[in-house]
Protein backbone atom coordinates (compact mmCIF):
# COMPACT_ATOMS: atom_id res chain seq x y z
CA MET A 1 -6.19 -71.35 -40.38
CA ALA A 2 -4.35 -70.50 -43.61
CA ARG A 3 -1.82 -73.33 -43.13
CA ARG A 4 -1.40 -76.18 -40.72
CA GLY A 5 1.15 -75.33 -38.07
CA GLN A 6 0.34 -71.64 -37.91
CA HIS A 7 -0.47 -70.10 -34.54
CA LEU A 8 -1.94 -66.72 -33.68
CA ILE A 9 -1.76 -64.71 -30.46
CA VAL A 10 -3.92 -61.59 -30.17
CA THR A 11 -2.80 -59.53 -27.20
CA ILE A 12 -3.15 -55.99 -25.97
CA GLY A 13 -0.48 -53.34 -26.22
CA GLY A 14 1.97 -54.15 -28.97
CA HIS A 15 3.56 -50.96 -30.24
CA ALA A 16 1.44 -49.02 -27.74
CA GLY A 17 3.28 -50.68 -24.85
CA ASP A 18 2.75 -53.79 -22.75
CA GLY A 19 2.01 -54.75 -19.19
CA ARG A 20 -1.13 -54.58 -17.13
CA LYS A 21 -1.89 -50.93 -17.90
CA VAL A 22 -1.82 -49.58 -21.44
CA GLY A 23 -2.71 -45.96 -21.97
CA ASP A 24 -5.44 -45.03 -19.52
CA VAL A 25 -6.86 -48.55 -19.14
CA ASP A 26 -5.96 -51.19 -16.56
CA PHE A 27 -6.52 -54.61 -18.16
CA GLY A 28 -6.07 -56.58 -14.96
CA PRO A 29 -3.55 -59.15 -13.71
CA SER A 30 -4.10 -61.54 -16.63
CA ALA A 31 -2.69 -58.96 -19.04
CA ALA A 32 0.50 -58.75 -17.01
CA GLN A 33 1.11 -62.47 -17.62
CA TYR A 34 2.05 -61.79 -21.26
CA ASN A 35 5.80 -61.99 -21.73
CA GLU A 36 6.86 -61.72 -25.35
CA ASN A 37 10.36 -63.13 -24.82
CA GLU A 38 9.05 -66.14 -22.91
CA ILE A 39 6.36 -66.84 -25.51
CA THR A 40 8.91 -66.58 -28.33
CA LEU A 41 11.18 -69.11 -26.64
CA ASN A 42 8.21 -71.43 -26.01
CA TRP A 43 7.34 -71.21 -29.71
CA TYR A 44 10.88 -72.20 -30.72
CA ASP A 45 10.85 -75.05 -28.20
CA TYR A 46 7.62 -76.33 -29.72
CA LEU A 47 8.71 -75.78 -33.32
CA PHE A 48 12.27 -77.11 -33.22
CA LYS A 49 12.37 -79.37 -30.16
CA GLY A 50 8.86 -80.79 -30.17
CA VAL A 51 8.17 -79.61 -26.63
CA GLN A 52 4.46 -80.10 -25.85
CA ASN A 53 3.78 -76.70 -24.32
CA GLU A 54 0.94 -74.20 -24.85
CA PHE A 55 1.48 -74.29 -28.63
CA ALA A 56 0.51 -77.97 -28.69
CA GLN A 57 -3.03 -76.90 -27.79
CA LYS A 58 -5.45 -74.80 -29.84
CA PRO A 59 -3.83 -72.63 -32.56
CA VAL A 60 -5.42 -69.31 -31.55
CA LYS A 61 -5.04 -67.48 -28.26
CA ILE A 62 -6.76 -64.13 -27.71
CA PHE A 63 -7.06 -61.65 -24.88
CA VAL A 64 -10.72 -60.69 -24.44
CA MET A 65 -10.97 -57.11 -23.24
CA GLY A 66 -13.76 -56.35 -20.83
CA LEU A 67 -13.55 -59.83 -19.41
CA ASN A 68 -9.79 -59.25 -19.26
CA GLN A 69 -9.12 -62.94 -19.73
CA TRP A 70 -7.12 -65.13 -22.10
CA ARG A 71 -9.06 -67.59 -24.22
CA GLN A 72 -8.00 -70.28 -26.68
CA GLU A 73 -9.85 -70.77 -29.95
CA ASP A 74 -9.81 -73.14 -32.93
CA ASP A 75 -10.16 -70.57 -35.71
CA TRP A 76 -9.63 -66.95 -36.68
CA PRO A 77 -11.91 -65.21 -37.32
CA LEU A 78 -14.03 -67.12 -34.82
CA ALA A 79 -16.28 -69.62 -36.59
CA ARG A 80 -19.18 -68.78 -34.28
CA ALA A 81 -18.87 -65.01 -34.80
CA CYS A 82 -21.91 -63.36 -36.34
CA GLY A 83 -21.09 -60.53 -38.74
CA THR A 84 -23.21 -57.48 -37.93
CA LYS A 85 -23.76 -54.30 -39.94
CA TYR A 86 -24.39 -50.94 -38.34
CA PHE A 87 -25.43 -47.89 -40.37
CA LEU A 88 -24.72 -44.18 -39.95
CA HIS A 89 -27.74 -41.93 -39.47
CA SER A 90 -28.25 -38.22 -38.92
CA GLN A 91 -30.43 -35.25 -39.76
CA GLY A 92 -27.48 -33.52 -41.41
CA SER A 93 -25.70 -32.40 -38.25
CA ALA A 94 -23.60 -35.22 -36.82
CA ASN A 95 -20.92 -32.74 -35.84
CA SER A 96 -19.45 -33.42 -32.36
CA LEU A 97 -21.01 -35.18 -29.40
CA GLY A 98 -23.76 -32.58 -29.40
CA GLY A 99 -24.85 -33.49 -32.94
CA ASN A 100 -27.65 -35.77 -34.08
CA GLY A 101 -25.55 -38.63 -35.47
CA THR A 102 -26.72 -42.10 -34.52
CA LEU A 103 -25.64 -45.67 -35.20
CA SER A 104 -28.09 -48.53 -35.60
CA ALA A 105 -28.75 -51.80 -37.42
CA ASP A 106 -31.55 -50.13 -39.40
CA ALA A 107 -30.61 -49.37 -43.00
CA PRO A 108 -30.91 -45.66 -43.92
CA HIS A 109 -33.42 -44.36 -46.45
CA SER A 110 -33.57 -40.70 -47.41
CA GLU A 111 -31.25 -38.76 -45.12
CA SER A 112 -29.23 -35.57 -45.33
CA SER A 113 -25.47 -35.52 -45.81
CA ASP A 114 -23.17 -34.44 -43.01
CA HIS A 115 -20.59 -31.71 -43.54
CA TYR A 116 -17.54 -30.36 -41.74
CA VAL A 117 -14.81 -27.83 -42.46
CA TYR A 118 -11.23 -29.04 -42.26
CA ASP A 119 -8.74 -26.41 -41.10
CA PRO A 120 -5.13 -27.53 -41.82
CA SER A 121 -3.87 -24.98 -39.29
CA ASN A 122 -5.95 -26.70 -36.58
CA PRO A 123 -6.09 -30.39 -37.46
CA VAL A 124 -7.90 -32.96 -35.34
CA PRO A 125 -5.27 -34.40 -32.98
CA THR A 126 -4.60 -38.10 -32.57
CA THR A 127 -5.46 -39.03 -28.98
CA GLY A 128 -4.37 -42.56 -28.19
CA ASP A 129 -3.07 -44.91 -30.84
CA ARG A 130 -1.98 -48.46 -31.58
CA TYR A 131 1.50 -47.39 -32.68
CA ALA A 132 2.55 -43.94 -31.44
CA ALA A 133 6.12 -44.03 -32.72
CA MET A 134 6.59 -40.57 -31.16
CA PRO A 135 4.89 -40.71 -27.73
CA SER A 136 6.09 -37.19 -26.99
CA ILE A 137 3.69 -35.97 -29.68
CA CYS A 138 0.96 -38.63 -29.65
CA SER A 139 -0.22 -40.43 -26.52
CA ARG A 140 -0.16 -44.20 -26.83
CA GLY A 141 -2.84 -46.79 -26.17
CA PRO A 142 -6.51 -46.35 -25.22
CA ARG A 143 -7.36 -42.79 -24.17
CA ASP A 144 -10.53 -40.85 -23.50
CA GLN A 145 -11.86 -39.60 -26.85
CA GLN A 146 -14.35 -37.08 -25.43
CA PRO A 147 -12.12 -34.03 -26.01
CA VAL A 148 -11.70 -35.00 -29.68
CA GLU A 149 -15.41 -35.74 -30.10
CA ALA A 150 -16.25 -32.27 -28.76
CA ARG A 151 -14.82 -30.72 -31.94
CA ASN A 152 -17.20 -29.50 -34.63
CA ASP A 153 -14.99 -30.94 -37.40
CA VAL A 154 -15.50 -34.47 -36.06
CA LEU A 155 -18.61 -36.44 -37.00
CA VAL A 156 -19.92 -38.66 -34.19
CA TYR A 157 -22.43 -41.50 -34.60
CA SER A 158 -23.49 -43.17 -31.36
CA ALA A 159 -25.56 -46.28 -30.74
CA PRO A 160 -27.88 -46.58 -27.74
CA ALA A 161 -26.44 -48.31 -24.70
CA PHE A 162 -26.54 -52.11 -24.97
CA SER A 163 -28.99 -53.80 -22.64
CA ARG A 164 -26.66 -56.80 -22.25
CA ASP A 165 -22.97 -57.64 -22.57
CA VAL A 166 -21.82 -57.84 -26.19
CA GLU A 167 -18.47 -59.22 -27.34
CA VAL A 168 -16.94 -57.72 -30.47
CA THR A 169 -14.19 -60.03 -31.69
CA GLY A 170 -12.88 -60.11 -35.25
CA PRO A 171 -12.23 -57.79 -38.20
CA VAL A 172 -13.85 -54.34 -38.24
CA SER A 173 -14.34 -52.24 -41.37
CA VAL A 174 -16.23 -49.10 -42.38
CA GLU A 175 -17.67 -48.15 -45.77
CA PHE A 176 -18.68 -44.57 -46.44
CA TYR A 177 -19.16 -42.16 -49.32
CA ALA A 178 -17.64 -38.70 -49.30
CA SER A 179 -16.78 -35.72 -51.45
CA SER A 180 -14.31 -32.88 -50.80
CA SER A 181 -13.52 -29.47 -52.22
CA ALA A 182 -9.81 -30.13 -51.55
CA VAL A 183 -7.44 -31.53 -54.16
CA ASP A 184 -6.79 -34.42 -51.83
CA THR A 185 -7.59 -35.22 -48.22
CA ASP A 186 -7.34 -37.93 -45.60
CA PHE A 187 -10.39 -39.57 -44.05
CA THR A 188 -10.21 -41.36 -40.73
CA ALA A 189 -12.67 -43.56 -38.87
CA LYS A 190 -12.55 -44.76 -35.28
CA LEU A 191 -14.54 -47.32 -33.28
CA VAL A 192 -15.06 -46.14 -29.71
CA ASP A 193 -16.54 -47.95 -26.71
CA VAL A 194 -18.28 -45.63 -24.23
CA GLY A 195 -18.39 -46.94 -20.67
CA THR A 196 -21.04 -46.32 -18.05
CA ASP A 197 -18.75 -43.66 -16.56
CA GLY A 198 -18.57 -41.83 -19.90
CA PHE A 199 -14.98 -42.85 -20.67
CA ALA A 200 -14.79 -43.14 -24.47
CA GLN A 201 -12.16 -45.78 -25.22
CA ASN A 202 -10.70 -46.05 -28.71
CA LEU A 203 -10.78 -49.67 -29.88
CA THR A 204 -9.50 -49.45 -33.44
CA GLU A 205 -9.07 -46.90 -36.18
CA GLY A 206 -8.18 -46.53 -39.83
CA ILE A 207 -7.08 -43.81 -42.23
CA ILE A 208 -7.12 -43.49 -46.00
CA ARG A 209 -5.85 -40.86 -48.42
CA ALA A 210 -8.60 -40.17 -50.94
CA ARG A 211 -6.45 -40.25 -54.10
CA TYR A 212 -4.89 -43.55 -52.99
CA ARG A 213 -8.07 -45.28 -51.86
CA ASP A 214 -7.77 -47.98 -54.54
CA SER A 215 -4.00 -48.34 -54.60
CA GLN A 216 -1.16 -47.04 -52.46
CA ARG A 217 1.02 -46.82 -55.57
CA MET A 218 -1.26 -45.41 -58.27
CA PRO A 219 -3.23 -42.23 -57.39
CA ILE A 220 -6.66 -41.53 -58.82
CA CYS A 221 -6.49 -38.42 -60.98
């Protein structure tokens, strides 16, 4: 932990809503146990009154999706976590689910670049989100990404199905190289978990404006 006395709770929902069901996913009865007001009061009781409640135990509490269970930990990121790199591969046509984009732990060698045409009059919609300040425009929480991935202006890189259960817990980042004919453009990346029923659940996403990739205050000319 950064300082002694700090505590961290990683839960589902947040700005996307709370409760047992968020978006299109039911996270089970354990998720419904989270009550932000109650936890806040417990934190103040521990901090100011010395009450030996849940905050007197381990400093990190996380909700593990898939298992749909709460778990307490000693550190964040988890000390036992093993950082893993996955690489983007294709034969130059990773466009949509029908493309040839793949994801694997094998480093790429000589491969073709992928291309897509961005049409500002028909932008890729945001389907599901962590924030969704305007739910009337953007649906909140985890949603099926298959309609978005069917678009030709979306590059899709898929890994083979895992042969065993794999837990992904901790920070996620993507590094890629791109060029554009536009004066400026936004690039987005999304990590999606595809279930055995085909439901493509968005786990996390990021967006960056090309001219502000190094600083949000000083554009690159």
